[in-house]
């Protein structure tokens, strides 16, 4: 029986984490569902912006896919400065701000279109990354929050 070769690893560098973050949001905006799932560990847990409790990562991913990755959705994310703290050779935590805009078109009765907008000008994100056996960095914890003064309720037009 052939053994799987071990992936050569070096300690995680700040740039590795920054690349993982930017890659995640590129995947998210381009609606690559399979790649989005690969950005998170199987056992990831998340505090979403509007949640009152911690949720399994897979549940949050499914919700994000439904809300933001449909054909009628458009998402734009602008990641700000990323702070990274290396915790060990295989783990790191990152914190950053970002601007998030989503537009969802819905077809309603008689062919009319209604648009739901979500604008978060100052979202705050922290993520904990672990390197997995295949060498990739995956999110094991994410906390997404919005300052109270920055909340803009979704508008329907």
N, C-alpha and C. Protein backbone atom coordinates (compact mmCIF):
# COMPACT_ATOMS: atom_id res chain seq x y z
N UNK A 1 0.84 -1.17 0.00
CA UNK A 1 0.00 0.00 0.00
C UNK A 1 0.89 1.24 0.00
N UNK A 2 0.65 2.11 -0.95
CA UNK A 2 1.47 3.32 -1.08
C UNK A 2 1.05 4.34 -0.02
N UNK A 3 2.02 4.98 0.54
CA UNK A 3 1.70 6.02 1.53
C UNK A 3 1.63 7.37 0.84
N UNK A 4 0.85 8.23 1.40
CA UNK A 4 0.71 9.58 0.88
C UNK A 4 1.93 10.37 1.30
N UNK A 5 2.61 11.00 0.33
CA UNK A 5 3.80 11.77 0.72
C UNK A 5 3.40 12.94 1.60
N UNK A 6 4.25 13.23 2.56
CA UNK A 6 4.01 14.35 3.46
C UNK A 6 4.25 15.65 2.72
N UNK A 7 3.36 16.60 2.92
CA UNK A 7 3.50 17.91 2.29
C UNK A 7 4.58 18.68 3.04
N UNK A 8 5.64 19.09 2.32
CA UNK A 8 6.67 19.87 3.01
C UNK A 8 6.08 21.19 3.49
N UNK A 9 6.35 21.51 4.72
CA UNK A 9 5.80 22.76 5.26
C UNK A 9 6.90 23.60 5.87
N UNK A 10 6.65 24.84 5.87
CA UNK A 10 7.48 25.81 6.57
C UNK A 10 6.54 26.52 7.51
N UNK A 11 7.04 27.22 8.48
CA UNK A 11 6.14 27.95 9.38
C UNK A 11 5.27 28.93 8.59
N UNK A 12 4.05 29.11 9.05
CA UNK A 12 3.14 30.07 8.43
C UNK A 12 3.76 31.47 8.51
N UNK A 13 3.65 32.19 7.43
CA UNK A 13 4.11 33.58 7.39
C UNK A 13 2.89 34.50 7.29
N UNK A 14 3.06 35.74 7.69
CA UNK A 14 1.96 36.71 7.62
C UNK A 14 1.41 36.81 6.20
N UNK A 15 2.28 36.78 5.22
CA UNK A 15 1.84 36.87 3.82
C UNK A 15 0.95 35.69 3.44
N UNK A 16 1.22 34.50 3.98
CA UNK A 16 0.37 33.33 3.69
C UNK A 16 -1.07 33.60 4.15
N UNK A 17 -1.21 34.19 5.31
CA UNK A 17 -2.54 34.48 5.86
C UNK A 17 -3.22 35.57 5.04
N UNK A 18 -2.49 36.61 4.70
CA UNK A 18 -3.06 37.68 3.89
C UNK A 18 -3.54 37.14 2.54
N UNK A 19 -2.77 36.26 1.94
CA UNK A 19 -3.16 35.64 0.66
C UNK A 19 -4.41 34.78 0.85
N UNK A 20 -4.48 34.02 1.93
CA UNK A 20 -5.65 33.18 2.19
C UNK A 20 -6.91 34.03 2.34
N UNK A 21 -6.80 35.16 3.03
CA UNK A 21 -7.95 36.05 3.23
C UNK A 21 -8.40 36.64 1.90
N UNK A 22 -7.47 37.20 1.16
CA UNK A 22 -7.84 37.82 -0.12
C UNK A 22 -8.39 36.78 -1.09
N UNK A 23 -7.82 35.58 -1.08
CA UNK A 23 -8.31 34.50 -1.94
C UNK A 23 -9.74 34.13 -1.55
N UNK A 24 -10.02 34.06 -0.25
CA UNK A 24 -11.38 33.71 0.19
C UNK A 24 -12.40 34.70 -0.37
N UNK A 25 -12.12 35.98 -0.28
CA UNK A 25 -13.09 36.97 -0.74
C UNK A 25 -13.19 37.00 -2.26
N UNK A 26 -12.13 36.69 -2.97
CA UNK A 26 -12.20 36.57 -4.43
C UNK A 26 -13.10 35.40 -4.79
N UNK A 27 -12.91 34.27 -4.12
CA UNK A 27 -13.75 33.08 -4.32
C UNK A 27 -15.21 33.41 -4.01
N UNK A 28 -15.43 34.12 -2.92
CA UNK A 28 -16.78 34.50 -2.50
C UNK A 28 -17.45 35.37 -3.55
N UNK A 29 -16.77 36.42 -4.00
CA UNK A 29 -17.35 37.34 -4.97
C UNK A 29 -17.60 36.68 -6.32
N UNK A 30 -16.76 35.69 -6.68
CA UNK A 30 -16.92 35.02 -7.97
C UNK A 30 -17.83 33.80 -7.87
N UNK A 31 -18.43 33.57 -6.69
CA UNK A 31 -19.45 32.54 -6.46
C UNK A 31 -18.94 31.12 -6.73
N UNK A 32 -17.72 30.84 -6.34
CA UNK A 32 -17.13 29.51 -6.50
C UNK A 32 -17.45 28.69 -5.24
N UNK A 33 -18.58 28.03 -5.24
CA UNK A 33 -19.11 27.36 -4.05
C UNK A 33 -18.14 26.32 -3.50
N UNK A 34 -17.63 25.43 -4.34
CA UNK A 34 -16.73 24.38 -3.86
C UNK A 34 -15.46 24.95 -3.24
N UNK A 35 -14.89 25.95 -3.89
CA UNK A 35 -13.68 26.57 -3.36
C UNK A 35 -13.96 27.31 -2.07
N UNK A 36 -15.16 27.90 -1.94
CA UNK A 36 -15.53 28.59 -0.71
C UNK A 36 -15.55 27.61 0.45
N UNK A 37 -16.11 26.44 0.23
CA UNK A 37 -16.16 25.42 1.28
C UNK A 37 -14.76 24.97 1.68
N UNK A 38 -13.84 24.91 0.73
CA UNK A 38 -12.47 24.48 1.01
C UNK A 38 -11.69 25.49 1.84
N UNK A 39 -12.19 26.71 1.97
CA UNK A 39 -11.51 27.73 2.76
C UNK A 39 -11.72 27.52 4.27
N UNK A 40 -12.67 26.67 4.64
CA UNK A 40 -13.01 26.44 6.04
C UNK A 40 -12.72 25.00 6.44
N UNK A 41 -12.29 24.82 7.67
CA UNK A 41 -12.09 23.48 8.23
C UNK A 41 -13.46 22.85 8.46
N UNK A 42 -13.50 21.53 8.45
CA UNK A 42 -14.75 20.80 8.70
C UNK A 42 -15.38 21.20 10.04
N UNK A 43 -14.53 21.45 11.02
CA UNK A 43 -15.02 21.74 12.38
C UNK A 43 -15.06 23.24 12.70
N UNK A 44 -15.05 24.08 11.67
CA UNK A 44 -15.06 25.53 11.89
C UNK A 44 -16.34 25.98 12.61
N UNK A 45 -16.20 27.03 13.40
CA UNK A 45 -17.37 27.64 14.05
C UNK A 45 -17.28 29.15 13.85
N UNK A 46 -18.48 29.76 13.72
CA UNK A 46 -18.54 31.15 13.27
C UNK A 46 -19.56 31.94 14.10
N UNK A 47 -19.17 33.18 14.42
CA UNK A 47 -20.10 34.18 14.92
C UNK A 47 -20.40 35.08 13.72
N UNK A 48 -21.57 34.94 13.12
CA UNK A 48 -21.94 35.79 12.00
C UNK A 48 -22.37 37.16 12.53
N UNK A 49 -22.44 38.13 11.65
CA UNK A 49 -22.73 39.50 12.06
C UNK A 49 -24.05 39.65 12.80
N UNK A 50 -25.06 38.93 12.39
CA UNK A 50 -26.38 39.08 13.00
C UNK A 50 -26.78 37.91 13.89
N UNK A 51 -25.87 37.00 14.14
CA UNK A 51 -26.23 35.84 14.95
C UNK A 51 -26.13 36.15 16.44
N UNK A 52 -26.94 35.47 17.21
CA UNK A 52 -26.91 35.63 18.66
C UNK A 52 -26.13 34.50 19.32
N UNK A 53 -25.72 33.55 18.52
CA UNK A 53 -24.98 32.41 19.06
C UNK A 53 -23.96 31.94 18.03
N UNK A 54 -23.04 31.14 18.49
CA UNK A 54 -22.05 30.56 17.60
C UNK A 54 -22.72 29.49 16.75
N UNK A 55 -22.29 29.36 15.50
CA UNK A 55 -22.89 28.40 14.59
C UNK A 55 -21.82 27.57 13.90
N UNK A 56 -22.16 26.35 13.51
CA UNK A 56 -21.20 25.54 12.74
C UNK A 56 -20.87 26.23 11.41
N UNK A 57 -19.63 26.15 11.02
CA UNK A 57 -19.19 26.79 9.78
C UNK A 57 -19.97 26.34 8.57
N UNK A 58 -20.28 25.06 8.47
CA UNK A 58 -21.02 24.55 7.30
C UNK A 58 -22.40 25.19 7.19
N UNK A 59 -23.06 25.42 8.32
CA UNK A 59 -24.37 26.06 8.30
C UNK A 59 -24.26 27.49 7.79
N UNK A 60 -23.29 28.22 8.27
CA UNK A 60 -23.09 29.61 7.83
C UNK A 60 -22.72 29.64 6.35
N UNK A 61 -21.90 28.70 5.91
CA UNK A 61 -21.53 28.65 4.50
C UNK A 61 -22.75 28.42 3.62
N UNK A 62 -23.62 27.51 4.03
CA UNK A 62 -24.84 27.25 3.25
C UNK A 62 -25.71 28.49 3.18
N UNK A 63 -25.83 29.21 4.28
CA UNK A 63 -26.62 30.44 4.29
C UNK A 63 -26.00 31.48 3.37
N UNK A 64 -24.68 31.62 3.43
CA UNK A 64 -24.00 32.59 2.56
C UNK A 64 -24.18 32.21 1.09
N UNK A 65 -24.12 30.93 0.79
CA UNK A 65 -24.33 30.49 -0.59
C UNK A 65 -25.73 30.86 -1.07
N UNK A 66 -26.73 30.64 -0.24
CA UNK A 66 -28.12 30.94 -0.60
C UNK A 66 -28.31 32.45 -0.78
N UNK A 67 -27.75 33.24 0.13
CA UNK A 67 -27.99 34.68 0.11
C UNK A 67 -27.12 35.44 -0.89
N UNK A 68 -25.89 34.99 -1.09
CA UNK A 68 -24.95 35.80 -1.86
C UNK A 68 -24.39 35.15 -3.12
N UNK A 69 -24.62 33.86 -3.31
CA UNK A 69 -24.00 33.20 -4.46
C UNK A 69 -25.00 32.77 -5.52
N UNK A 70 -26.22 33.26 -5.44
CA UNK A 70 -27.21 32.94 -6.47
C UNK A 70 -26.89 33.74 -7.72
N UNK A 71 -27.48 33.33 -8.83
CA UNK A 71 -27.22 33.99 -10.11
C UNK A 71 -27.67 35.46 -10.09
N UNK A 72 -28.67 35.78 -9.27
CA UNK A 72 -29.20 37.15 -9.25
C UNK A 72 -28.50 38.05 -8.23
N UNK A 73 -27.51 37.53 -7.55
CA UNK A 73 -26.80 38.32 -6.52
C UNK A 73 -25.51 38.91 -7.09
N UNK A 74 -25.17 40.08 -6.56
CA UNK A 74 -23.89 40.70 -6.88
C UNK A 74 -23.27 41.14 -5.56
N UNK A 75 -22.02 40.77 -5.35
CA UNK A 75 -21.33 41.09 -4.10
C UNK A 75 -20.02 41.79 -4.42
N UNK A 76 -19.71 42.80 -3.63
CA UNK A 76 -18.42 43.48 -3.75
C UNK A 76 -17.82 43.61 -2.35
N UNK A 77 -16.57 43.22 -2.22
CA UNK A 77 -15.87 43.27 -0.94
C UNK A 77 -14.56 44.01 -1.15
N UNK A 78 -14.27 44.93 -0.24
CA UNK A 78 -13.00 45.65 -0.28
C UNK A 78 -12.35 45.46 1.09
N UNK A 79 -11.32 44.63 1.14
CA UNK A 79 -10.63 44.32 2.39
C UNK A 79 -9.64 45.43 2.70
N UNK A 80 -9.67 45.89 3.95
CA UNK A 80 -8.74 46.92 4.41
C UNK A 80 -7.43 46.29 4.87
N UNK A 81 -6.72 47.01 5.71
CA UNK A 81 -5.45 46.55 6.26
C UNK A 81 -5.66 45.30 7.10
N UNK A 82 -4.80 44.32 6.93
CA UNK A 82 -4.90 43.05 7.65
C UNK A 82 -3.79 42.96 8.69
N UNK A 83 -4.19 42.76 9.94
CA UNK A 83 -3.23 42.50 11.02
C UNK A 83 -3.16 40.99 11.23
N UNK A 84 -1.95 40.45 11.30
CA UNK A 84 -1.77 39.01 11.48
C UNK A 84 -0.85 38.77 12.66
N UNK A 85 -1.24 37.83 13.49
CA UNK A 85 -0.39 37.39 14.60
C UNK A 85 -0.18 35.88 14.43
N UNK A 86 1.06 35.48 14.30
CA UNK A 86 1.40 34.07 14.16
C UNK A 86 1.33 33.44 15.55
N UNK A 87 0.55 32.37 15.70
CA UNK A 87 0.39 31.70 16.99
C UNK A 87 1.35 30.52 17.14
N UNK A 88 1.61 29.83 16.04
CA UNK A 88 2.53 28.68 16.04
C UNK A 88 2.96 28.46 14.60
N UNK A 89 3.75 27.42 14.36
CA UNK A 89 4.17 27.12 12.99
C UNK A 89 2.97 26.84 12.07
N UNK A 90 1.86 26.39 12.67
CA UNK A 90 0.72 25.97 11.87
C UNK A 90 -0.58 26.73 12.18
N UNK A 91 -0.49 27.84 12.90
CA UNK A 91 -1.72 28.58 13.20
C UNK A 91 -1.44 30.08 13.30
N UNK A 92 -2.48 30.84 12.99
CA UNK A 92 -2.38 32.30 13.04
C UNK A 92 -3.77 32.89 13.21
N UNK A 93 -3.82 34.11 13.71
CA UNK A 93 -5.07 34.85 13.82
C UNK A 93 -4.92 36.15 13.03
N UNK A 94 -6.00 36.54 12.37
CA UNK A 94 -5.99 37.77 11.58
C UNK A 94 -7.20 38.61 11.94
N UNK A 95 -7.02 39.92 11.87
CA UNK A 95 -8.12 40.86 12.09
C UNK A 95 -8.02 41.93 11.03
N UNK A 96 -9.18 42.33 10.51
CA UNK A 96 -9.20 43.35 9.48
C UNK A 96 -10.58 43.96 9.38
N UNK A 97 -10.64 45.09 8.70
CA UNK A 97 -11.92 45.72 8.39
C UNK A 97 -12.17 45.53 6.90
N UNK A 98 -13.41 45.69 6.53
CA UNK A 98 -13.74 45.59 5.12
C UNK A 98 -15.04 46.31 4.83
N UNK A 99 -15.22 46.65 3.58
CA UNK A 99 -16.48 47.19 3.09
C UNK A 99 -17.17 46.07 2.33
N UNK A 100 -18.46 45.88 2.62
CA UNK A 100 -19.22 44.78 2.02
C UNK A 100 -20.50 45.35 1.42
N UNK A 101 -20.74 45.04 0.15
CA UNK A 101 -21.95 45.47 -0.53
C UNK A 101 -22.54 44.27 -1.25
N UNK A 102 -23.84 44.04 -1.05
CA UNK A 102 -24.52 42.96 -1.75
C UNK A 102 -25.82 43.49 -2.33
N UNK A 103 -26.12 43.02 -3.51
CA UNK A 103 -27.36 43.38 -4.18
C UNK A 103 -28.03 42.10 -4.64
N UNK A 104 -29.27 41.93 -4.28
CA UNK A 104 -30.02 40.72 -4.64
C UNK A 104 -31.26 41.13 -5.41
N UNK A 105 -31.38 40.66 -6.64
CA UNK A 105 -32.58 40.96 -7.43
C UNK A 105 -33.56 39.81 -7.26
N UNK A 106 -34.81 40.16 -7.02
CA UNK A 106 -35.86 39.17 -6.86
C UNK A 106 -36.97 39.48 -7.86
N UNK A 107 -37.48 38.43 -8.49
CA UNK A 107 -38.62 38.61 -9.37
C UNK A 107 -39.87 38.39 -8.53
N UNK A 108 -40.76 39.37 -8.57
CA UNK A 108 -42.01 39.28 -7.82
C UNK A 108 -43.17 39.19 -8.81
N UNK A 109 -44.36 39.23 -8.33
CA UNK A 109 -45.56 39.08 -9.16
C UNK A 109 -45.54 39.99 -10.38
N UNK A 110 -46.13 39.51 -11.46
CA UNK A 110 -46.28 40.25 -12.72
C UNK A 110 -44.94 40.66 -13.33
N UNK A 111 -43.87 39.93 -13.01
CA UNK A 111 -42.58 40.18 -13.62
C UNK A 111 -41.82 41.38 -13.09
N UNK A 112 -42.36 42.03 -12.08
CA UNK A 112 -41.66 43.18 -11.50
C UNK A 112 -40.41 42.69 -10.77
N UNK A 113 -39.41 43.54 -10.69
CA UNK A 113 -38.17 43.19 -10.01
C UNK A 113 -38.02 44.05 -8.77
N UNK A 114 -37.63 43.39 -7.69
CA UNK A 114 -37.38 44.10 -6.43
C UNK A 114 -35.91 43.84 -6.10
N UNK A 115 -35.24 44.87 -5.63
CA UNK A 115 -33.81 44.75 -5.31
C UNK A 115 -33.61 44.95 -3.82
N UNK A 116 -32.88 44.01 -3.21
CA UNK A 116 -32.51 44.15 -1.80
C UNK A 116 -31.04 44.52 -1.75
N UNK A 117 -30.72 45.57 -1.04
CA UNK A 117 -29.34 46.03 -0.90
C UNK A 117 -28.87 45.81 0.53
N UNK A 118 -27.62 45.42 0.66
CA UNK A 118 -26.99 45.33 1.97
C UNK A 118 -25.65 46.03 1.86
N UNK A 119 -25.45 47.04 2.67
CA UNK A 119 -24.21 47.82 2.65
C UNK A 119 -23.64 47.87 4.06
N UNK A 120 -22.42 47.39 4.18
CA UNK A 120 -21.72 47.43 5.46
C UNK A 120 -20.41 48.16 5.23
N UNK A 121 -20.35 49.44 5.55
CA UNK A 121 -19.15 50.22 5.24
C UNK A 121 -17.95 49.93 6.15
N UNK A 122 -18.18 49.39 7.35
CA UNK A 122 -17.09 49.18 8.29
C UNK A 122 -17.20 47.84 9.01
N UNK A 123 -17.27 46.76 8.25
CA UNK A 123 -17.34 45.44 8.87
C UNK A 123 -16.01 45.12 9.53
N UNK A 124 -16.08 44.38 10.64
CA UNK A 124 -14.87 43.94 11.35
C UNK A 124 -14.85 42.42 11.31
N UNK A 125 -13.71 41.87 10.94
CA UNK A 125 -13.58 40.43 10.81
C UNK A 125 -12.34 39.95 11.55
N UNK A 126 -12.48 38.88 12.30
CA UNK A 126 -11.31 38.18 12.83
C UNK A 126 -11.45 36.71 12.45
N UNK A 127 -10.34 36.11 12.08
CA UNK A 127 -10.33 34.72 11.65
C UNK A 127 -9.11 34.02 12.24
N UNK A 128 -9.31 32.78 12.64
CA UNK A 128 -8.21 31.94 13.11
C UNK A 128 -7.97 30.89 12.03
N UNK A 129 -6.72 30.77 11.61
CA UNK A 129 -6.33 29.83 10.56
C UNK A 129 -5.47 28.71 11.12
N UNK A 130 -5.66 27.51 10.59
CA UNK A 130 -4.80 26.36 10.90
C UNK A 130 -4.34 25.77 9.58
N UNK A 131 -3.09 25.34 9.56
CA UNK A 131 -2.60 24.63 8.39
C UNK A 131 -3.02 23.17 8.53
N UNK A 132 -3.59 22.62 7.48
CA UNK A 132 -4.05 21.24 7.51
C UNK A 132 -3.03 20.31 6.86
N UNK A 133 -3.28 19.03 6.93
CA UNK A 133 -2.32 18.02 6.46
C UNK A 133 -1.93 18.21 5.00
N UNK A 134 -2.84 18.76 4.19
CA UNK A 134 -2.52 18.96 2.77
C UNK A 134 -1.72 20.25 2.54
N UNK A 135 -1.41 20.98 3.61
CA UNK A 135 -0.60 22.19 3.51
C UNK A 135 -1.40 23.47 3.37
N UNK A 136 -2.72 23.38 3.18
CA UNK A 136 -3.53 24.59 3.00
C UNK A 136 -3.93 25.20 4.34
N UNK A 137 -4.10 26.51 4.31
CA UNK A 137 -4.60 27.22 5.48
C UNK A 137 -6.12 27.24 5.39
N UNK A 138 -6.78 26.89 6.49
CA UNK A 138 -8.23 26.92 6.53
C UNK A 138 -8.69 27.64 7.79
N UNK A 139 -9.83 28.31 7.67
CA UNK A 139 -10.42 29.02 8.80
C UNK A 139 -11.03 27.99 9.75
N UNK A 140 -10.67 28.09 11.05
CA UNK A 140 -11.29 27.25 12.07
C UNK A 140 -12.25 28.06 12.93
N UNK A 141 -12.09 29.38 12.91
CA UNK A 141 -13.02 30.26 13.62
C UNK A 141 -13.07 31.60 12.92
N UNK A 142 -14.29 32.16 12.85
CA UNK A 142 -14.47 33.47 12.26
C UNK A 142 -15.46 34.25 13.12
N UNK A 143 -15.17 35.52 13.29
CA UNK A 143 -16.09 36.42 14.00
C UNK A 143 -16.26 37.64 13.12
N UNK A 144 -17.49 37.88 12.72
CA UNK A 144 -17.83 38.98 11.82
C UNK A 144 -18.74 39.92 12.61
N UNK A 145 -18.38 41.19 12.70
CA UNK A 145 -19.24 42.12 13.45
C UNK A 145 -19.35 43.45 12.72
N UNK A 146 -20.37 44.20 13.15
CA UNK A 146 -20.66 45.49 12.53
C UNK A 146 -20.86 46.51 13.65
N UNK A 147 -20.13 47.62 13.62
CA UNK A 147 -20.37 48.66 14.64
C UNK A 147 -21.82 49.13 14.53
N UNK A 148 -22.45 49.41 15.65
CA UNK A 148 -23.86 49.81 15.64
C UNK A 148 -24.13 50.99 14.73
N UNK A 149 -23.25 51.97 14.73
CA UNK A 149 -23.50 53.16 13.92
C UNK A 149 -23.33 52.89 12.42
N UNK A 150 -22.72 51.76 12.05
CA UNK A 150 -22.48 51.46 10.64
C UNK A 150 -23.57 50.58 10.04
N UNK A 151 -24.52 50.15 10.82
CA UNK A 151 -25.57 49.27 10.30
C UNK A 151 -26.53 50.06 9.42
N UNK A 152 -26.67 49.56 8.22
CA UNK A 152 -27.67 50.12 7.31
C UNK A 152 -28.64 48.99 6.99
N UNK A 153 -29.88 49.16 7.36
CA UNK A 153 -30.85 48.09 7.16
C UNK A 153 -31.07 47.88 5.67
N UNK A 154 -31.30 46.62 5.29
CA UNK A 154 -31.54 46.33 3.88
C UNK A 154 -32.76 47.12 3.38
N UNK A 155 -32.61 47.64 2.18
CA UNK A 155 -33.73 48.39 1.60
C UNK A 155 -34.31 47.59 0.45
N UNK A 156 -35.57 47.68 0.31
CA UNK A 156 -36.26 47.02 -0.82
C UNK A 156 -36.80 48.12 -1.71
N UNK A 157 -36.51 48.03 -3.01
CA UNK A 157 -37.05 49.04 -3.91
C UNK A 157 -37.93 48.40 -4.95
